[in-house]
Amino acid sequence: MALTSPPDANKQDPIVFLISHMTPDVRLQVFDQPFHIHSMVLRIHSSFFRTFLDSVDKTDIAPSATGFAYDSITEIDADGQGWNLVRSEKKIYSTSFSKFSGNTKYQTVAFGKLMRCMYYRDLKLEGVDELKVILALSDYFGMLRSFSGNLTDALFMNGSIKPNENNCLDLLEIAVKCRHRILYNDCLILAINPWREPRYLKLQNETLKSKAEEAHMKVASRVEKTHSHILSFVAEGRMQDTKFVQAVRSSTASVGYGFNVARYFRTMRDAGCDVQRHGKYGEKPLSDVLSSNLILDTKAESGGCHSPDSFFCLDIKTCDLPWDIMEVDW
């Protein structure tokens, strides 16, 4: 059978992943970009490649004329929407990928970053769109676990992929897909806000919507108890009625419409209403409900200028996560 390596005119310099005293024995030709990888690393980190490499006949694994025990090239799906890797001896290499409807360069770069995850190299993401592409590749190649493990540093280093009010719903679904606890934590907290019109109501995923509703109700219980504390505080004469009225008014007029509970709580706390609960030394209800459990945004303030109607105090425990933490391969 004819050698199926790409012609020299179309070759790009290979991206070689190095390990001391070990030579890469796999060449993956992703479109026009060759990657030189270690089969051992692929087997450890990818369920796809474990099966893919094991499917090669034992008689085929001796180094070929290319010097690689395993040599693969890109094949475009019949509908032109996707692509996959096939053994090079089973298909003649094509120098044209015009049938592919996507961006070959974008896919190649994303694949390279996914390979970096296996070698524990820095993962630098350009934005949420690229994150989605890498997620899709990691899902297809059975590398969600490796990708998730490298995502944490990228989230802390790159502001363009941090959860915010505009992307938190998209990122929430990504967090569940790659089982990333920090990302899930922050996205869910943002999804149950703002308090009067929470973002989670726009979720199409009914399972996630139900989880968000449970989280909203959990915080609502704390809000209700805190409000009862304020009313008791005022009723017992520990705050002048005029200060209480001023606090209520400022919680409405400061934004211009509606009543912002978080701003109201913050104003009451600043007015000296945050006292210890009876019989519970050191516990301050207003400070507790106004606290923030956001991990990636340490500057967020409940009832502050940028979040007048938001509570960030949701405490997400391990049992609240929508995936099985004991599952090893996913």
Protein backbone atom coordinates (compact mmCIF):
# COMPACT_ATOMS: atom_id res chain seq x y z
CA MET A 1 0.00 0.00 0.00
CA ALA A 2 1.30 3.45 -0.88
CA LEU A 3 2.88 5.62 1.79
CA THR A 4 0.33 8.15 2.93
CA SER A 5 2.46 10.84 4.52
CA PRO A 6 1.76 14.40 3.35
CA PRO A 7 3.87 15.81 0.54
CA ASP A 8 6.90 17.87 1.61
CA ALA A 9 5.41 21.03 0.08
CA ASN A 10 2.55 20.96 2.56
CA LYS A 11 4.44 19.93 5.66
CA GLN A 12 4.67 22.23 8.64
CA ASP A 13 7.31 21.93 11.31
CA PRO A 14 6.12 19.31 13.79
CA ILE A 15 5.08 20.23 17.31
CA VAL A 16 7.14 17.84 19.42
CA PHE A 17 6.34 17.01 23.02
CA LEU A 18 9.46 15.97 24.90
CA ILE A 19 10.06 13.71 27.87
CA SER A 20 13.58 13.09 29.13
CA HIS A 21 15.09 9.88 27.70
CA MET A 22 11.93 9.05 25.75
CA THR A 23 11.39 9.49 22.03
CA PRO A 24 7.88 10.21 20.68
CA ASP A 25 6.57 7.15 18.87
CA VAL A 26 3.25 8.55 17.61
CA ARG A 27 2.67 11.04 14.84
CA LEU A 28 -0.76 12.63 14.69
CA GLN A 29 -1.32 14.65 11.54
CA VAL A 30 -4.10 17.12 12.44
CA PHE A 31 -4.95 18.71 9.11
CA ASP A 32 -1.52 19.97 7.95
CA GLN A 33 0.06 20.11 11.41
CA PRO A 34 2.03 17.09 12.69
CA PHE A 35 2.22 16.39 16.42
CA HIS A 36 4.84 14.02 17.82
CA ILE A 37 3.47 12.37 20.96
CA HIS A 38 4.31 9.46 23.28
CA SER A 39 1.93 6.50 23.06
CA MET A 40 2.33 5.93 26.79
CA VAL A 41 1.03 9.43 27.55
CA LEU A 42 -1.88 9.01 25.15
CA ARG A 43 -2.88 5.72 26.76
CA ILE A 44 -2.84 7.25 30.25
CA HIS A 45 -4.87 10.34 29.44
CA SER A 46 -7.22 9.36 26.61
CA SER A 47 -9.78 6.57 26.48
CA PHE A 48 -10.07 7.18 22.72
CA PHE A 49 -6.37 6.63 22.09
CA ARG A 50 -6.22 3.61 24.39
CA THR A 51 -8.70 1.92 22.08
CA PHE A 52 -7.22 3.47 18.96
CA LEU A 53 -3.67 2.31 19.69
CA ASP A 54 -4.76 -1.13 20.90
CA SER A 55 -6.58 -1.65 17.61
CA VAL A 56 -3.29 -1.68 15.75
CA ASP A 57 -2.13 -5.21 14.98
CA LYS A 58 0.91 -6.30 16.95
CA THR A 59 2.71 -6.88 13.67
CA ASP A 60 2.14 -3.23 12.76
CA ILE A 61 3.77 -1.59 15.74
CA ALA A 62 7.37 -1.83 14.58
CA PRO A 63 8.66 1.58 13.46
CA SER A 64 7.71 2.25 9.86
CA ALA A 65 9.64 4.18 7.23
CA THR A 66 8.50 7.34 9.01
CA GLY A 67 10.19 6.26 12.25
CA PHE A 68 6.89 6.15 14.18
CA ALA A 69 5.19 3.06 15.56
CA TYR A 70 1.82 4.77 15.13
CA ASP A 71 1.04 7.17 12.31
CA SER A 72 -2.34 8.86 11.88
CA ILE A 73 -3.86 11.46 9.59
CA THR A 74 -7.02 13.57 9.51
CA GLU A 75 -10.21 12.36 7.89
CA ILE A 76 -13.15 14.72 7.36
CA ASP A 77 -16.60 13.41 8.33
CA ALA A 78 -19.03 12.72 5.50
CA ASP A 79 -21.19 15.73 6.37
CA GLY A 80 -18.18 18.06 6.55
CA GLN A 81 -19.08 19.11 10.09
CA GLY A 82 -16.38 17.24 11.99
CA TRP A 83 -13.12 15.35 11.66
CA ASN A 84 -11.32 12.40 13.18
CA LEU A 85 -7.97 10.63 13.12
CA VAL A 86 -7.43 7.40 11.19
CA ARG A 87 -4.43 5.13 10.71
CA SER A 88 -2.43 6.50 7.81
CA GLU A 89 -2.04 3.12 6.10
CA LYS A 90 -5.82 2.91 5.77
CA LYS A 91 -6.31 6.16 3.86
CA ILE A 92 -4.51 8.20 1.24
CA TYR A 93 -3.52 11.60 2.62
CA SER A 94 -5.44 14.54 1.19
CA THR A 95 -3.85 17.96 0.85
CA SER A 96 -7.25 19.64 0.62
CA PHE A 97 -9.65 20.00 3.52
CA SER A 98 -12.09 22.29 1.69
CA LYS A 99 -14.91 19.88 2.53
CA PHE A 100 -14.53 20.77 6.22
CA SER A 101 -17.02 23.50 7.18
CA GLY A 102 -15.07 24.66 10.20
CA ASN A 103 -11.81 26.56 10.66
CA THR A 104 -8.88 24.13 10.30
CA LYS A 105 -6.40 26.46 11.98
CA TYR A 106 -8.73 27.00 14.96
CA GLN A 107 -9.19 23.24 15.34
CA THR A 108 -5.46 22.58 15.06
CA VAL A 109 -4.57 25.15 17.71
CA ALA A 110 -7.26 23.78 20.03
CA PHE A 111 -5.98 20.23 19.54
CA GLY A 112 -2.46 21.38 20.37
CA LYS A 113 -3.64 22.96 23.60
CA LEU A 114 -5.47 19.75 24.49
CA MET A 115 -2.24 17.80 23.95
CA ARG A 116 -0.47 20.23 26.28
CA CYS A 117 -2.89 19.20 29.02
CA MET A 118 -1.54 15.65 28.90
CA TYR A 119 1.97 16.94 29.55
CA TYR A 120 0.83 19.33 32.30
CA ARG A 121 1.94 22.40 30.32
CA ASP A 122 0.39 25.83 30.83
CA LEU A 123 -3.05 26.13 29.25
CA LYS A 124 -3.67 29.59 27.80
CA LEU A 125 -7.17 30.17 26.48
CA GLU A 126 -8.25 33.05 24.26
CA GLY A 127 -11.87 33.10 25.38
CA VAL A 128 -15.06 31.14 25.94
CA ASP A 129 -15.39 30.21 22.24
CA GLU A 130 -12.00 28.51 22.24
CA LEU A 131 -12.87 26.86 25.55
CA LYS A 132 -15.93 25.32 23.90
CA VAL A 133 -13.87 23.98 20.99
CA ILE A 134 -11.31 22.35 23.30
CA LEU A 135 -14.11 20.94 25.44
CA ALA A 136 -15.69 19.32 22.37
CA LEU A 137 -12.33 17.80 21.37
CA SER A 138 -11.61 16.57 24.89
CA ASP A 139 -15.04 14.94 25.00
CA TYR A 140 -14.52 13.21 21.64
CA PHE A 141 -11.01 12.01 22.49
CA GLY A 142 -11.95 10.92 26.02
CA MET A 143 -9.75 13.50 27.73
CA LEU A 144 -12.23 15.47 29.84
CA ARG A 145 -10.43 14.55 33.05
CA SER A 146 -7.05 15.80 31.80
CA PHE A 147 -8.58 18.96 30.40
CA SER A 148 -10.43 19.70 33.63
CA GLY A 149 -7.26 19.25 35.68
CA ASN A 150 -5.47 21.91 33.63
CA LEU A 151 -8.37 24.35 33.48
CA THR A 152 -7.98 25.76 37.00
CA ASP A 153 -4.80 27.74 36.35
CA ALA A 154 -6.24 29.05 33.08
CA LEU A 155 -9.30 30.36 34.91
CA PHE A 156 -7.20 32.26 37.44
CA MET A 157 -4.82 33.66 34.82
CA ASN A 158 -7.25 34.59 32.06
CA GLY A 159 -9.95 37.16 32.75
CA SER A 160 -11.66 36.48 29.40
CA ILE A 161 -12.92 33.08 30.55
CA LYS A 162 -13.87 33.98 34.11
CA PRO A 163 -17.59 33.68 34.86
CA ASN A 164 -19.58 36.88 34.70
CA GLU A 165 -23.22 37.90 34.36
CA ASN A 166 -23.10 37.44 30.58
CA ASN A 167 -21.42 34.05 30.23
CA CYS A 168 -22.22 32.24 33.49
CA LEU A 169 -25.02 30.10 32.02
CA ASP A 170 -22.84 28.85 29.14
CA LEU A 171 -19.94 28.23 31.50
CA LEU A 172 -22.21 26.45 33.97
CA GLU A 173 -22.91 23.74 31.39
CA ILE A 174 -19.21 23.55 30.56
CA ALA A 175 -18.38 23.20 34.26
CA VAL A 176 -20.71 20.22 34.57
CA LYS A 177 -19.37 18.63 31.38
CA CYS A 178 -15.77 18.75 32.57
CA ARG A 179 -16.71 18.35 36.25
CA HIS A 180 -14.83 21.43 37.34
CA ARG A 181 -15.84 22.31 40.87
CA ILE A 182 -14.46 25.86 41.03
CA LEU A 183 -16.07 26.86 37.75
CA TYR A 184 -19.35 25.23 38.76
CA ASN A 185 -19.27 27.02 42.13
CA ASP A 186 -18.91 30.50 40.68
CA CYS A 187 -21.27 29.96 37.75
CA LEU A 188 -24.06 28.63 39.95
CA ILE A 189 -23.70 31.52 42.40
CA LEU A 190 -23.95 34.01 39.54
CA ALA A 191 -26.83 32.07 37.94
CA ILE A 192 -29.10 32.48 40.99
CA ASN A 193 -28.66 36.26 40.79
CA PRO A 194 -29.80 39.00 40.54
CA TRP A 195 -32.17 38.20 43.35
CA ARG A 196 -35.40 39.50 41.81
CA GLU A 197 -34.76 38.14 38.31
CA PRO A 198 -32.26 35.28 38.55
CA ARG A 199 -30.43 34.29 35.39
CA TYR A 200 -31.00 30.56 35.86
CA LEU A 201 -34.62 31.00 34.72
CA LYS A 202 -33.22 31.20 31.17
CA LEU A 203 -31.53 27.80 31.37
CA GLN A 204 -32.74 25.26 28.81
CA ASN A 205 -31.18 22.32 30.65
CA GLU A 206 -33.95 21.26 33.06
CA THR A 207 -31.57 19.31 35.33
CA LEU A 208 -29.33 22.32 35.83
CA LYS A 209 -32.34 24.58 36.17
CA SER A 210 -33.63 22.39 38.99
CA LYS A 211 -30.21 22.48 40.71
CA ALA A 212 -30.15 26.27 40.46
CA GLU A 213 -33.66 26.52 41.84
CA GLU A 214 -32.64 24.43 44.86
CA ALA A 215 -29.62 26.69 45.39
CA HIS A 216 -31.79 29.82 45.15
CA MET A 217 -34.19 28.42 47.75
CA LYS A 218 -31.29 27.60 50.07
CA VAL A 219 -30.09 31.22 49.99
CA ALA A 220 -33.70 32.45 50.24
CA SER A 221 -34.01 30.66 53.57
CA ARG A 222 -30.98 32.56 54.90
CA VAL A 223 -32.33 35.84 53.52
CA GLU A 224 -35.66 35.28 55.27
CA LYS A 225 -34.02 34.53 58.61
CA THR A 226 -31.81 37.59 58.30
CA HIS A 227 -34.79 39.83 57.54
CA SER A 228 -36.56 38.47 60.63
CA HIS A 229 -33.49 39.39 62.65
CA ILE A 230 -33.61 42.98 61.35
CA LEU A 231 -37.30 43.36 62.18
CA SER A 232 -36.69 41.99 65.69
CA PHE A 233 -33.78 44.37 66.10
CA VAL A 234 -35.98 47.34 65.19
CA ALA A 235 -38.99 46.13 67.16
CA GLU A 236 -36.88 45.81 70.30
CA GLY A 237 -35.98 49.48 70.01
CA ARG A 238 -32.29 48.91 69.28
CA MET A 239 -32.48 51.13 66.21
CA GLN A 240 -34.24 54.43 65.71
CA ASP A 241 -37.23 54.23 63.37
CA THR A 242 -35.86 57.09 61.29
CA LYS A 243 -32.61 55.20 60.58
CA PHE A 244 -34.59 52.13 59.60
CA VAL A 245 -36.75 54.14 57.17
CA GLN A 246 -33.66 55.82 55.73
CA ALA A 247 -32.05 52.43 55.13
CA VAL A 248 -35.14 51.14 53.31
CA ARG A 249 -35.35 54.27 51.16
CA SER A 250 -31.67 54.22 50.23
CA SER A 251 -32.02 50.60 49.13
CA THR A 252 -34.55 51.67 46.54
CA ALA A 253 -33.50 55.12 45.41
CA SER A 254 -29.82 54.23 45.03
CA VAL A 255 -30.55 52.14 41.93
CA GLY A 256 -33.60 53.93 40.64
CA TYR A 257 -36.22 51.20 40.56
CA GLY A 258 -37.45 48.28 42.61
CA PHE A 259 -36.24 47.20 46.02
CA ASN A 260 -32.81 45.63 46.34
CA VAL A 261 -32.71 43.28 49.32
CA ALA A 262 -28.92 42.89 49.29
CA ARG A 263 -28.42 46.67 49.28
CA TYR A 264 -30.97 46.94 52.11
CA PHE A 265 -29.08 44.36 54.18
CA ARG A 266 -25.79 46.09 53.51
CA THR A 267 -27.20 49.47 54.57
CA MET A 268 -28.60 47.97 57.78
CA ARG A 269 -25.27 46.32 58.56
CA ASP A 270 -23.44 49.61 58.04
CA ALA A 271 -26.00 51.28 60.33
CA GLY A 272 -24.99 48.98 63.19
CA CYS A 273 -27.70 46.35 62.98
CA ASP A 274 -25.29 43.43 62.63
CA VAL A 275 -25.25 42.18 66.22
CA GLN A 276 -24.69 38.72 67.66
CA ARG A 277 -27.62 36.38 67.63
CA HIS A 278 -28.99 35.52 71.05
CA GLY A 279 -27.05 32.63 72.54
CA LYS A 280 -24.62 32.32 69.60
CA TYR A 281 -21.41 34.12 70.40
CA GLY A 282 -19.69 35.86 67.50
CA GLU A 283 -22.31 35.09 64.83
CA LYS A 284 -23.34 38.09 62.77
CA PRO A 285 -26.30 37.35 60.49
CA LEU A 286 -25.95 40.31 58.14
CA SER A 287 -22.24 39.79 57.57
CA ASP A 288 -22.90 36.09 57.01
CA VAL A 289 -25.53 36.56 54.32
CA LEU A 290 -23.50 39.35 52.69
CA SER A 291 -20.35 37.23 52.54
CA SER A 292 -19.05 35.93 49.22
CA ASN A 293 -18.16 32.35 48.32
CA LEU A 294 -17.05 33.29 44.82
CA ILE A 295 -13.56 31.91 44.22
CA LEU A 296 -12.50 33.51 40.95
CA ASP A 297 -13.83 36.99 41.75
CA THR A 298 -12.57 38.06 45.16
CA LYS A 299 -13.80 41.65 44.77
CA ALA A 300 -17.53 40.93 44.44
CA GLU A 301 -19.64 42.54 47.16
CA SER A 302 -23.27 41.71 47.86
CA GLY A 303 -25.30 44.91 47.90
CA GLY A 304 -22.36 46.89 46.52
CA CYS A 305 -22.36 49.33 43.63
CA HIS A 306 -21.95 46.61 40.99
CA SER A 307 -24.15 44.00 42.68
CA PRO A 308 -26.97 45.86 44.50
CA ASP A 309 -29.38 42.93 44.22
CA SER A 310 -27.09 39.90 44.47
CA PHE A 311 -26.16 37.40 47.18
CA PHE A 312 -22.93 35.42 46.82
CA CYS A 313 -23.14 33.41 50.05
CA LEU A 314 -24.24 30.08 48.55
CA ASP A 315 -22.27 27.24 50.12
CA ILE A 316 -21.95 24.34 47.66
CA LYS A 317 -21.03 21.09 49.35
CA THR A 318 -19.67 17.95 47.72
CA CYS A 319 -23.05 16.25 47.96
CA ASP A 320 -24.57 19.14 45.98
CA LEU A 321 -22.42 18.54 42.90
CA PRO A 322 -24.32 17.13 39.89
CA TRP A 323 -21.77 14.41 39.15
CA ASP A 324 -20.28 11.34 40.79
CA ILE A 325 -16.98 12.41 42.38
CA MET A 326 -15.98 8.76 42.83
CA GLU A 327 -16.03 8.07 39.10
CA VAL A 328 -12.49 7.71 37.80
CA ASP A 329 -12.79 7.61 34.00
CA TRP A 330 -15.14 10.04 32.30
